[in-house]
Amino acid sequence: MLLGNETRAKAGFTLPEIVVATAMVAVFFSSIFEINAICLRYISASKENVGAIEAVNDRLERLRNTDFSTLTSVSSMKSLLATAANSSPLAQRAVEIVTVSDYPSGNPTITYRRSANGTVTSAPSTADFSNSSLVQLDLANQCPATFGNRTGTAQTSTVISAGTKK
């Protein structure tokens, strides 16, 4: 004969315990997925940063391998800058800014701006480098980042002589 609650089994889970356990598991897995997404965004940002640095270095090498008269000619520089620094997708959408100035005086100075669509503008439109034997090149690469609402920038500088190549 059964005597009420004394002989009933007390094993099992109640509905509130199951709901709490399910909620804890859901929070745990959503946290794992969010951390994974953040890590992937940081990896993407790092790749973009490396791509921007490589684009600046590629452009610098291209400019260092040109003759001095090309560096001091507005039309030659515009045609040289019309193509992207390299074929990477980052370089294709970057804005490049190249400043050529007499070294060490800094005068004259001309700044070229290559927009993402390949249009090259210069300010001022002309500069006379006929008395220059050294020019300073300042290169900057600005690209909108996919991580966050920011613009990444990579830049470098060098001085080039009007000497002869050997």
Protein backbone atom coordinates (compact mmCIF):
# COMPACT_ATOMS: atom_id res chain seq x y z
CA MET A 1 0.00 0.00 0.00
CA LEU A 2 1.35 3.47 -0.92
CA LEU A 3 1.41 6.07 1.80
CA GLY A 4 1.39 9.40 -0.08
CA ASN A 5 4.67 11.23 -0.64
CA GLU A 6 6.85 8.89 1.36
CA THR A 7 7.26 6.26 -1.34
CA ARG A 8 7.21 8.46 -4.48
CA ALA A 9 10.52 8.77 -6.35
CA LYS A 10 12.12 12.22 -6.16
CA ALA A 11 14.34 12.08 -9.29
CA GLY A 12 14.06 14.39 -12.33
CA PHE A 13 14.21 18.06 -13.24
CA THR A 14 11.61 20.71 -12.92
CA LEU A 15 10.65 23.00 -15.78
CA PRO A 16 12.34 26.09 -14.25
CA GLU A 17 15.63 24.18 -13.89
CA ILE A 18 15.49 23.15 -17.54
CA VAL A 19 14.75 26.73 -18.67
CA VAL A 20 17.68 28.12 -16.63
CA ALA A 21 20.07 25.45 -17.96
CA THR A 22 18.96 26.09 -21.55
CA ALA A 23 19.43 29.84 -21.10
CA MET A 24 22.94 29.32 -19.71
CA VAL A 25 23.90 27.09 -22.64
CA ALA A 26 22.49 29.65 -25.11
CA VAL A 27 24.46 32.51 -23.49
CA PHE A 28 27.63 30.41 -23.51
CA PHE A 29 27.40 29.52 -27.20
CA SER A 30 26.39 33.03 -28.29
CA SER A 31 29.41 34.39 -26.39
CA ILE A 32 31.69 31.90 -28.15
CA PHE A 33 30.30 32.90 -31.56
CA GLU A 34 30.68 36.62 -30.82
CA ILE A 35 34.28 36.20 -29.69
CA ASN A 36 34.96 34.24 -32.86
CA ALA A 37 33.43 37.02 -34.99
CA ILE A 38 35.53 39.67 -33.24
CA CYS A 39 38.69 37.63 -33.80
CA LEU A 40 37.87 37.28 -37.50
CA ARG A 41 37.34 41.05 -37.78
CA TYR A 42 40.73 41.68 -36.14
CA ILE A 43 42.37 39.27 -38.55
CA SER A 44 40.72 41.07 -41.46
CA ALA A 45 41.90 44.45 -40.13
CA SER A 46 45.45 43.09 -39.81
CA LYS A 47 45.37 41.83 -43.39
CA GLU A 48 44.17 45.26 -44.55
CA ASN A 49 46.97 46.95 -42.65
CA VAL A 50 49.59 44.69 -44.24
CA GLY A 51 48.01 45.30 -47.66
CA ALA A 52 48.18 49.07 -47.18
CA ILE A 53 51.84 48.90 -46.19
CA GLU A 54 52.63 46.73 -49.21
CA ALA A 55 50.77 49.10 -51.53
CA VAL A 56 52.80 52.06 -50.22
CA ASN A 57 56.04 50.10 -50.61
CA ASP A 58 55.09 48.99 -54.13
CA ARG A 59 54.34 52.59 -55.13
CA LEU A 60 57.59 53.79 -53.55
CA GLU A 61 59.61 51.18 -55.46
CA ARG A 62 57.90 52.15 -58.70
CA LEU A 63 58.74 55.82 -58.09
CA ARG A 64 62.33 55.02 -57.09
CA ASN A 65 62.81 53.10 -60.33
CA THR A 66 61.70 56.00 -62.53
CA ASP A 67 64.05 58.66 -63.81
CA PHE A 68 64.31 62.04 -62.11
CA SER A 69 62.64 63.92 -64.97
CA THR A 70 59.51 61.81 -64.58
CA LEU A 71 59.31 62.65 -60.87
CA THR A 72 59.50 66.36 -61.61
CA SER A 73 57.04 66.37 -64.52
CA VAL A 74 53.35 66.80 -63.68
CA SER A 75 52.03 65.01 -66.77
CA SER A 76 54.44 62.07 -66.33
CA MET A 77 53.53 61.68 -62.66
CA LYS A 78 49.81 61.78 -63.43
CA SER A 79 50.15 59.02 -66.00
CA LEU A 80 52.39 56.99 -63.66
CA LEU A 81 49.91 57.29 -60.78
CA ALA A 82 46.89 56.46 -62.96
CA THR A 83 47.25 52.76 -62.22
CA ALA A 84 46.96 51.30 -58.72
CA ALA A 85 50.15 50.52 -56.81
CA ASN A 86 49.46 46.78 -57.08
CA SER A 87 46.60 44.48 -58.02
CA SER A 88 45.31 43.80 -54.51
CA PRO A 89 41.68 44.72 -53.80
CA LEU A 90 42.83 47.03 -51.02
CA ALA A 91 45.11 49.00 -53.35
CA GLN A 92 42.26 49.27 -55.86
CA ARG A 93 39.99 51.12 -53.39
CA ALA A 94 42.68 53.16 -51.63
CA VAL A 95 43.27 56.87 -51.99
CA GLU A 96 46.95 57.58 -52.62
CA ILE A 97 48.58 60.89 -51.84
CA VAL A 98 52.06 61.53 -53.23
CA THR A 99 53.86 64.77 -52.38
CA VAL A 100 56.98 65.75 -54.31
CA SER A 101 59.03 68.62 -52.89
CA ASP A 102 62.50 70.05 -53.33
CA TYR A 103 64.90 68.78 -50.70
CA PRO A 104 65.89 70.33 -48.28
CA SER A 105 64.09 73.63 -48.95
CA GLY A 106 60.63 72.14 -49.49
CA ASN A 107 59.83 74.66 -52.21
CA PRO A 108 58.45 73.93 -54.80
CA THR A 109 55.99 71.30 -53.62
CA ILE A 110 53.30 69.51 -55.58
CA THR A 111 50.79 67.00 -54.21
CA TYR A 112 49.16 64.32 -56.35
CA ARG A 113 45.98 62.62 -55.21
CA ARG A 114 44.86 59.36 -56.82
CA SER A 115 41.26 58.58 -55.93
CA ALA A 116 39.83 55.08 -55.77
CA ASN A 117 38.43 55.37 -59.30
CA GLY A 118 41.91 56.15 -60.73
CA THR A 119 41.49 59.89 -61.22
CA VAL A 120 44.72 61.76 -60.49
CA THR A 121 44.69 65.43 -59.50
CA SER A 122 47.57 67.71 -58.61
CA ALA A 123 47.75 70.79 -56.43
CA PRO A 124 49.12 73.15 -57.59
CA SER A 125 48.76 72.21 -61.23
CA THR A 126 52.40 73.02 -62.04
CA ALA A 127 55.74 73.20 -60.25
CA ASP A 128 59.22 74.13 -61.47
CA PHE A 129 61.85 71.66 -60.31
CA SER A 130 64.49 72.78 -62.86
CA ASN A 131 66.91 73.89 -60.12
CA SER A 132 66.36 70.79 -57.97
CA SER A 133 68.88 68.00 -57.67
CA LEU A 134 67.14 66.26 -54.76
CA VAL A 135 63.43 65.70 -54.20
CA GLN A 136 61.60 64.31 -51.22
CA LEU A 137 58.73 61.93 -51.87
CA ASP A 138 56.05 61.55 -49.19
CA LEU A 139 53.57 58.76 -49.87
CA ALA A 140 50.36 58.06 -47.98
CA ASN A 141 47.73 55.42 -48.61
CA GLN A 142 44.28 55.93 -47.09
CA CYS A 143 41.73 53.14 -47.23
CA PRO A 144 38.36 52.72 -45.54
CA ALA A 145 38.60 49.78 -43.17
CA THR A 146 36.00 47.04 -43.06
CA PHE A 147 36.32 46.81 -39.27
CA GLY A 148 34.84 49.78 -37.52
CA ASN A 149 34.11 53.19 -38.93
CA ARG A 150 37.65 54.35 -39.58
CA THR A 151 40.18 54.99 -42.30
CA GLY A 152 43.50 53.18 -42.23
CA THR A 153 46.63 55.06 -43.27
CA ALA A 154 50.09 53.84 -44.22
CA GLN A 155 52.81 56.29 -45.16
CA THR A 156 56.49 56.57 -45.93
CA SER A 157 59.04 59.09 -47.14
CA THR A 158 62.27 59.05 -49.13
CA VAL A 159 64.73 61.38 -50.87
CA ILE A 160 65.72 60.80 -54.50
CA SER A 161 68.69 62.29 -56.30
CA ALA A 162 68.97 63.52 -59.88
CA GLY A 163 72.11 61.40 -60.29
CA THR A 164 72.61 58.80 -62.97
CA LYS A 165 71.61 55.16 -62.58
CA LYS A 166 74.27 52.54 -62.93
